Structures are given as structure tokens and as C-alpha cells.
Amino acid sequence: LKTVISERLIKIIIFEAKLKNTLVCGLKECLKKMIYKKPQLCLLAKNCDSRLLKLSIKYFCIFLKIQLILVSDKKKLGRYTRLLKRKKKMNTFKVISCSVALIMKTKWSLKASKALNLLNKIGYKKN
């Protein structure tokens, strides 16, 4: 039940960030933004490609005091961030996996700020 609620809250936050153009996906882009601008939230998939990548992102978040949320699957994170690849012959879409996503600091709407507060109350942040 806790994971279902937290996944819905993460979807709300990602959707709001996508609307405000403050969502960054991909390892290289995330590392650039972590160094030059301080993001508010980092989403990391538990089944990353390499263990070293996972550890480096975790330590970066601890060092820069960025809130870190672990998502169960990189396909799920890709689905939440709407990373899709369209097939040419058919009108179908393929979900691209995403191992890291960042949300930059922004003014949140009421719904997204409530979702962030609920995530903090549930204790879903894992640094």
C-alpha cells in the first residue's frame, strides 16, 4: 500500500515538473545539472545498469543535499517521465528505460506541493 501511494505521488510530481519544463532525464544531463544548478529532487531506479553509477549518484545527492527517491524499476521511471519511442510502421510506442531523472527547483502547484509533503511524511526519501 505504501509503494502504491508513493508511486502515485511520484507520478504527480513528475507530471507537474514536465509541464513546467523542469524535468531532466538521462545520466549525462543529470550530472551536468547536478554540478551547475542545484536540483530539488533526484529519482533513481533500483535496477540501474551499473552499481558504480548507482553509488555515484547516491553520494552526489548526499554531498549536495539533494532529496533522493528510489524507484523500483527503470522501465517504470521511463513510463513516468514519458520517454517513448514511436515505431514507424505501426502506431505503437515503446517505453525507453530511464535510470536517473532530476527535478529542478520550481514553484509547485498546490497538488504537487501536497504530494511532496506526503512523500516526506511517509518517509519515502532515502539518502
N, C-alpha and C. Protein backbone atom coordinates (compact mmCIF):
# COMPACT_ATOMS: atom_id res chain seq x y z
N LEU A 1 0.83 -1.20 0.00
CA LEU A 1 0.00 0.00 0.00
C LEU A 1 0.87 1.26 0.00
N LYS A 2 1.96 1.21 0.77
CA LYS A 2 2.86 2.37 0.84
C LYS A 2 3.50 2.64 -0.51
N THR A 3 3.90 1.57 -1.22
CA THR A 3 4.54 1.77 -2.52
C THR A 3 3.55 2.27 -3.56
N VAL A 4 2.30 1.81 -3.50
CA VAL A 4 1.29 2.26 -4.46
C VAL A 4 1.01 3.74 -4.28
N ILE A 5 0.88 4.17 -3.03
CA ILE A 5 0.62 5.58 -2.75
C ILE A 5 1.82 6.43 -3.19
N SER A 6 3.02 5.98 -2.85
CA SER A 6 4.21 6.76 -3.19
C SER A 6 4.41 6.83 -4.71
N GLU A 7 4.08 5.75 -5.44
CA GLU A 7 4.21 5.80 -6.89
C GLU A 7 3.23 6.80 -7.51
N ARG A 8 2.03 6.87 -6.96
CA ARG A 8 1.07 7.87 -7.45
C ARG A 8 1.55 9.29 -7.17
N LEU A 9 2.13 9.49 -5.99
CA LEU A 9 2.66 10.81 -5.66
C LEU A 9 3.83 11.18 -6.56
N ILE A 10 4.68 10.20 -6.86
CA ILE A 10 5.81 10.45 -7.77
C ILE A 10 5.30 10.81 -9.16
N LYS A 11 4.25 10.14 -9.61
CA LYS A 11 3.66 10.46 -10.92
C LYS A 11 3.16 11.90 -10.95
N ILE A 12 2.52 12.34 -9.88
CA ILE A 12 2.00 13.71 -9.82
C ILE A 12 3.15 14.71 -9.89
N ILE A 13 4.21 14.46 -9.15
CA ILE A 13 5.36 15.38 -9.12
C ILE A 13 6.04 15.43 -10.48
N ILE A 14 6.23 14.27 -11.11
CA ILE A 14 6.89 14.23 -12.42
C ILE A 14 6.02 14.92 -13.48
N PHE A 15 4.72 14.71 -13.43
CA PHE A 15 3.82 15.35 -14.39
C PHE A 15 3.89 16.87 -14.26
N GLU A 16 3.91 17.36 -13.04
CA GLU A 16 3.99 18.81 -12.80
C GLU A 16 5.33 19.36 -13.30
N ALA A 17 6.42 18.63 -13.04
CA ALA A 17 7.74 19.08 -13.48
C ALA A 17 7.83 19.08 -15.00
N LYS A 18 7.20 18.10 -15.63
CA LYS A 18 7.21 18.03 -17.10
C LYS A 18 6.45 19.22 -17.69
N LEU A 19 5.35 19.60 -17.06
CA LEU A 19 4.59 20.75 -17.54
C LEU A 19 5.38 22.04 -17.41
N LYS A 20 6.15 22.17 -16.34
CA LYS A 20 6.92 23.40 -16.10
C LYS A 20 8.30 23.35 -16.72
N ASN A 21 8.60 22.28 -17.45
CA ASN A 21 9.87 22.11 -18.16
C ASN A 21 11.06 22.12 -17.20
N THR A 22 10.92 21.46 -16.06
CA THR A 22 12.00 21.37 -15.09
C THR A 22 12.43 19.93 -14.85
N LEU A 23 12.07 19.03 -15.74
CA LEU A 23 12.43 17.62 -15.62
C LEU A 23 13.62 17.33 -16.52
N VAL A 24 14.64 16.67 -15.96
CA VAL A 24 15.84 16.31 -16.70
C VAL A 24 16.00 14.80 -16.62
N CYS A 25 16.17 14.14 -17.77
CA CYS A 25 16.32 12.69 -17.81
C CYS A 25 17.65 12.30 -18.42
N GLY A 26 18.20 11.20 -17.98
CA GLY A 26 19.45 10.70 -18.53
C GLY A 26 20.63 11.02 -17.63
N LEU A 27 21.62 10.16 -17.67
CA LEU A 27 22.76 10.27 -16.77
C LEU A 27 23.61 11.52 -17.03
N LYS A 28 24.00 11.74 -18.27
CA LYS A 28 24.88 12.87 -18.59
C LYS A 28 24.22 14.20 -18.27
N GLU A 29 22.96 14.34 -18.67
CA GLU A 29 22.23 15.58 -18.42
C GLU A 29 22.05 15.81 -16.93
N CYS A 30 21.76 14.74 -16.19
CA CYS A 30 21.55 14.87 -14.75
C CYS A 30 22.84 15.28 -14.04
N LEU A 31 23.96 14.70 -14.45
CA LEU A 31 25.23 15.08 -13.82
C LEU A 31 25.59 16.53 -14.12
N LYS A 32 25.32 16.99 -15.34
CA LYS A 32 25.56 18.40 -15.67
C LYS A 32 24.74 19.32 -14.79
N LYS A 33 23.47 19.01 -14.67
CA LYS A 33 22.57 19.85 -13.87
C LYS A 33 22.91 19.78 -12.39
N MET A 34 23.36 18.61 -11.91
CA MET A 34 23.75 18.49 -10.51
C MET A 34 24.93 19.38 -10.19
N ILE A 35 25.86 19.49 -11.12
CA ILE A 35 27.08 20.26 -10.87
C ILE A 35 26.79 21.76 -10.94
N TYR A 36 26.06 22.22 -11.97
CA TYR A 36 25.91 23.65 -12.20
C TYR A 36 24.69 24.27 -11.53
N LYS A 37 23.61 23.53 -11.41
CA LYS A 37 22.41 24.04 -10.77
C LYS A 37 21.98 23.04 -9.71
N LYS A 38 21.46 23.53 -8.60
CA LYS A 38 21.07 22.62 -7.53
C LYS A 38 19.62 22.17 -7.74
N PRO A 39 19.43 20.89 -8.03
CA PRO A 39 18.06 20.39 -8.20
C PRO A 39 17.37 20.16 -6.86
N GLN A 40 16.07 19.99 -6.92
CA GLN A 40 15.31 19.77 -5.70
C GLN A 40 15.15 18.29 -5.38
N LEU A 41 15.06 17.47 -6.42
CA LEU A 41 14.71 16.07 -6.22
C LEU A 41 15.42 15.21 -7.25
N CYS A 42 15.90 14.05 -6.83
CA CYS A 42 16.54 13.11 -7.74
C CYS A 42 15.81 11.78 -7.66
N LEU A 43 15.45 11.23 -8.81
CA LEU A 43 14.78 9.94 -8.90
C LEU A 43 15.76 8.94 -9.49
N LEU A 44 16.01 7.86 -8.78
CA LEU A 44 16.99 6.87 -9.20
C LEU A 44 16.34 5.49 -9.21
N ALA A 45 16.55 4.76 -10.30
CA ALA A 45 15.99 3.41 -10.41
C ALA A 45 16.86 2.43 -9.63
N LYS A 46 16.22 1.48 -8.95
CA LYS A 46 16.96 0.50 -8.16
C LYS A 46 17.75 -0.46 -9.03
N ASN A 47 17.22 -0.77 -10.23
CA ASN A 47 17.92 -1.70 -11.11
C ASN A 47 18.66 -0.94 -12.21
N CYS A 48 19.58 -0.08 -11.79
CA CYS A 48 20.41 0.69 -12.73
C CYS A 48 21.30 -0.25 -13.53
N ASP A 49 21.88 0.29 -14.60
CA ASP A 49 22.76 -0.51 -15.44
C ASP A 49 24.02 -0.95 -14.69
N SER A 50 24.62 -0.05 -13.95
CA SER A 50 25.83 -0.42 -13.23
C SER A 50 25.72 -0.01 -11.76
N ARG A 51 26.35 -0.78 -10.91
CA ARG A 51 26.34 -0.50 -9.48
C ARG A 51 27.12 0.78 -9.17
N LEU A 52 28.17 1.02 -9.94
CA LEU A 52 29.01 2.20 -9.74
C LEU A 52 28.21 3.47 -10.01
N LEU A 53 27.38 3.44 -11.03
CA LEU A 53 26.52 4.58 -11.36
C LEU A 53 25.57 4.88 -10.20
N LYS A 54 24.98 3.84 -9.67
CA LYS A 54 24.03 3.99 -8.58
C LYS A 54 24.70 4.60 -7.35
N LEU A 55 25.89 4.10 -7.01
CA LEU A 55 26.61 4.62 -5.86
C LEU A 55 27.05 6.07 -6.06
N SER A 56 27.52 6.40 -7.27
CA SER A 56 27.99 7.76 -7.52
C SER A 56 26.84 8.77 -7.44
N ILE A 57 25.67 8.40 -7.97
CA ILE A 57 24.51 9.30 -7.89
C ILE A 57 24.08 9.47 -6.43
N LYS A 58 24.09 8.38 -5.66
CA LYS A 58 23.71 8.46 -4.25
C LYS A 58 24.65 9.39 -3.48
N TYR A 59 25.95 9.23 -3.69
CA TYR A 59 26.90 10.06 -2.96
C TYR A 59 26.85 11.52 -3.42
N PHE A 60 26.58 11.74 -4.70
CA PHE A 60 26.39 13.10 -5.20
C PHE A 60 25.22 13.76 -4.49
N CYS A 61 24.12 13.02 -4.35
CA CYS A 61 22.93 13.56 -3.69
C CYS A 61 23.20 13.86 -2.22
N ILE A 62 23.95 12.99 -1.55
CA ILE A 62 24.28 13.22 -0.14
C ILE A 62 25.19 14.45 -0.01
N PHE A 63 26.18 14.55 -0.88
CA PHE A 63 27.15 15.65 -0.82
C PHE A 63 26.48 16.99 -1.10
N LEU A 64 25.58 17.04 -2.09
CA LEU A 64 24.92 18.30 -2.46
C LEU A 64 23.60 18.52 -1.73
N LYS A 65 23.23 17.60 -0.82
CA LYS A 65 21.99 17.68 -0.03
C LYS A 65 20.76 17.77 -0.91
N ILE A 66 20.66 16.81 -1.83
CA ILE A 66 19.51 16.71 -2.74
C ILE A 66 18.66 15.53 -2.26
N GLN A 67 17.36 15.73 -2.24
CA GLN A 67 16.47 14.65 -1.82
C GLN A 67 16.49 13.54 -2.88
N LEU A 68 16.69 12.31 -2.43
CA LEU A 68 16.79 11.16 -3.32
C LEU A 68 15.63 10.22 -3.10
N ILE A 69 14.99 9.83 -4.20
CA ILE A 69 13.89 8.86 -4.14
C ILE A 69 14.25 7.69 -5.04
N LEU A 70 14.15 6.49 -4.50
CA LEU A 70 14.44 5.28 -5.27
C LEU A 70 13.15 4.76 -5.88
N VAL A 71 13.18 4.50 -7.18
CA VAL A 71 12.04 3.93 -7.89
C VAL A 71 12.37 2.47 -8.18
N SER A 72 11.37 1.61 -8.12
CA SER A 72 11.62 0.17 -8.18
C SER A 72 12.20 -0.31 -9.51
N ASP A 73 11.80 0.30 -10.63
CA ASP A 73 12.21 -0.21 -11.93
C ASP A 73 12.52 0.93 -12.88
N LYS A 74 13.54 0.75 -13.74
CA LYS A 74 13.88 1.82 -14.69
C LYS A 74 12.85 1.94 -15.81
N LYS A 75 12.15 0.86 -16.13
CA LYS A 75 11.06 0.95 -17.11
C LYS A 75 9.91 1.79 -16.55
N LYS A 76 9.63 1.61 -15.25
CA LYS A 76 8.59 2.42 -14.61
C LYS A 76 8.95 3.89 -14.62
N LEU A 77 10.21 4.19 -14.32
CA LEU A 77 10.66 5.59 -14.34
C LEU A 77 10.58 6.16 -15.75
N GLY A 78 10.90 5.35 -16.75
CA GLY A 78 10.75 5.79 -18.14
C GLY A 78 9.30 6.04 -18.50
N ARG A 79 8.41 5.22 -17.97
CA ARG A 79 6.97 5.39 -18.22
C ARG A 79 6.45 6.65 -17.53
N TYR A 80 6.93 6.90 -16.30
CA TYR A 80 6.50 8.09 -15.57
C TYR A 80 6.96 9.37 -16.26
N THR A 81 8.19 9.35 -16.77
CA THR A 81 8.73 10.54 -17.43
C THR A 81 8.31 10.65 -18.89
N ARG A 82 7.56 9.66 -19.36
CA ARG A 82 7.02 9.62 -20.73
C ARG A 82 8.11 9.62 -21.79
N LEU A 83 9.15 8.83 -21.56
CA LEU A 83 10.17 8.64 -22.58
C LEU A 83 9.69 7.53 -23.51
N LEU A 84 9.22 7.91 -24.67
CA LEU A 84 8.62 6.96 -25.59
C LEU A 84 9.34 7.00 -26.93
N LYS A 85 9.37 5.85 -27.58
CA LYS A 85 9.94 5.75 -28.92
C LYS A 85 8.83 5.23 -29.83
N ARG A 86 8.57 5.96 -30.90
CA ARG A 86 7.49 5.58 -31.79
C ARG A 86 8.01 4.68 -32.89
N LYS A 87 7.29 3.60 -33.14
CA LYS A 87 7.66 2.70 -34.23
C LYS A 87 7.08 3.25 -35.53
N LYS A 88 7.88 3.20 -36.60
CA LYS A 88 7.49 3.83 -37.86
C LYS A 88 6.34 3.12 -38.56
N LYS A 89 6.40 1.82 -38.62
CA LYS A 89 5.41 1.08 -39.41
C LYS A 89 4.05 1.04 -38.72
N MET A 90 4.06 0.89 -37.40
CA MET A 90 2.80 0.81 -36.67
C MET A 90 2.64 2.04 -35.79
N ASN A 91 1.46 2.28 -35.35
CA ASN A 91 1.21 3.40 -34.45
C ASN A 91 1.32 2.97 -33.00
N THR A 92 2.39 2.28 -32.67
CA THR A 92 2.61 1.85 -31.30
C THR A 92 3.83 2.57 -30.74
N PHE A 93 3.90 2.60 -29.42
CA PHE A 93 5.01 3.25 -28.74
C PHE A 93 5.74 2.24 -27.86
N LYS A 94 7.04 2.43 -27.77
CA LYS A 94 7.87 1.59 -26.91
C LYS A 94 8.42 2.48 -25.79
N VAL A 95 8.33 2.01 -24.56
CA VAL A 95 8.83 2.78 -23.42
C VAL A 95 10.34 2.61 -23.33
N ILE A 96 11.06 3.72 -23.24
CA ILE A 96 12.51 3.70 -23.10
C ILE A 96 12.82 3.77 -21.60
N SER A 97 13.71 2.92 -21.16
CA SER A 97 14.04 2.90 -19.74
C SER A 97 14.88 4.12 -19.36
N CYS A 98 14.67 4.61 -18.16
CA CYS A 98 15.38 5.79 -17.65
C CYS A 98 15.91 5.45 -16.26
N SER A 99 17.21 5.55 -16.07
CA SER A 99 17.78 5.16 -14.79
C SER A 99 17.86 6.33 -13.80
N VAL A 100 17.99 7.56 -14.30
CA VAL A 100 18.10 8.73 -13.43
C VAL A 100 17.25 9.86 -13.99
N ALA A 101 16.55 10.56 -13.12
CA ALA A 101 15.80 11.75 -13.50
C ALA A 101 15.94 12.79 -12.39
N LEU A 102 16.04 14.05 -12.79
CA LEU A 102 16.16 15.16 -11.83
C LEU A 102 14.99 16.11 -12.00
N ILE A 103 14.58 16.69 -10.90
CA ILE A 103 13.57 17.74 -10.95
C ILE A 103 14.21 18.99 -10.37
N MET A 104 14.26 20.06 -11.17
CA MET A 104 14.89 21.29 -10.75
C MET A 104 13.97 22.07 -9.83
N LYS A 105 14.51 23.05 -9.12
CA LYS A 105 13.71 23.84 -8.20
C LYS A 105 12.72 24.70 -8.97
N THR A 106 11.50 24.72 -8.49
CA THR A 106 10.45 25.49 -9.14
C THR A 106 9.36 25.79 -8.13
N LYS A 107 8.45 26.67 -8.51
CA LYS A 107 7.27 26.91 -7.67
C LYS A 107 6.24 25.85 -8.03
N TRP A 108 5.86 25.06 -7.04
CA TRP A 108 4.94 23.95 -7.29
C TRP A 108 3.50 24.42 -7.19
N SER A 109 2.64 23.71 -7.88
CA SER A 109 1.21 23.94 -7.72
C SER A 109 0.78 23.34 -6.38
N LEU A 110 -0.43 23.59 -5.98
CA LEU A 110 -0.92 23.10 -4.70
C LEU A 110 -0.92 21.57 -4.65
N LYS A 111 -1.33 20.94 -5.75
CA LYS A 111 -1.39 19.48 -5.79
C LYS A 111 -0.01 18.85 -5.67
N ALA A 112 0.97 19.40 -6.39
CA ALA A 112 2.32 18.84 -6.36
C ALA A 112 3.00 19.10 -5.01
N SER A 113 2.76 20.26 -4.42
CA SER A 113 3.38 20.54 -3.12
C SER A 113 2.80 19.63 -2.04
N LYS A 114 1.50 19.33 -2.14
CA LYS A 114 0.91 18.37 -1.20
C LYS A 114 1.50 16.99 -1.40
N ALA A 115 1.74 16.62 -2.65
CA ALA A 115 2.35 15.31 -2.94
C ALA A 115 3.76 15.22 -2.37
N LEU A 116 4.55 16.30 -2.50
CA LEU A 116 5.90 16.32 -1.93
C LEU A 116 5.85 16.21 -0.41
N ASN A 117 4.94 16.93 0.21
CA ASN A 117 4.82 16.87 1.67
C ASN A 117 4.41 15.47 2.13
N LEU A 118 3.51 14.84 1.40
CA LEU A 118 3.09 13.48 1.75
C LEU A 118 4.24 12.49 1.61
N LEU A 119 5.04 12.66 0.55
CA LEU A 119 6.20 11.77 0.38
C LEU A 119 7.16 11.90 1.55
N ASN A 120 7.36 13.13 2.01
CA ASN A 120 8.24 13.35 3.16
C ASN A 120 7.67 12.75 4.44
N LYS A 121 6.33 12.88 4.61
CA LYS A 121 5.69 12.33 5.81
C LYS A 121 5.73 10.80 5.82
N ILE A 122 5.54 10.20 4.63
CA ILE A 122 5.59 8.75 4.55
C ILE A 122 7.00 8.25 4.87
N GLY A 123 7.97 9.08 4.62
CA GLY A 123 9.35 8.68 4.87
C GLY A 123 9.93 7.97 3.68
N TYR A 124 9.52 8.40 2.49
CA TYR A 124 9.98 7.73 1.27
C TYR A 124 11.32 8.25 0.81
N LYS A 125 11.81 9.34 1.37
CA LYS A 125 13.13 9.82 0.93
C LYS A 125 14.20 8.94 1.53
N LYS A 126 15.15 8.56 0.70
CA LYS A 126 16.20 7.65 1.15
C LYS A 126 17.54 8.22 0.73
N ASN A 127 18.22 8.87 1.66
CA ASN A 127 19.55 9.38 1.38
C ASN A 127 20.56 8.46 1.98
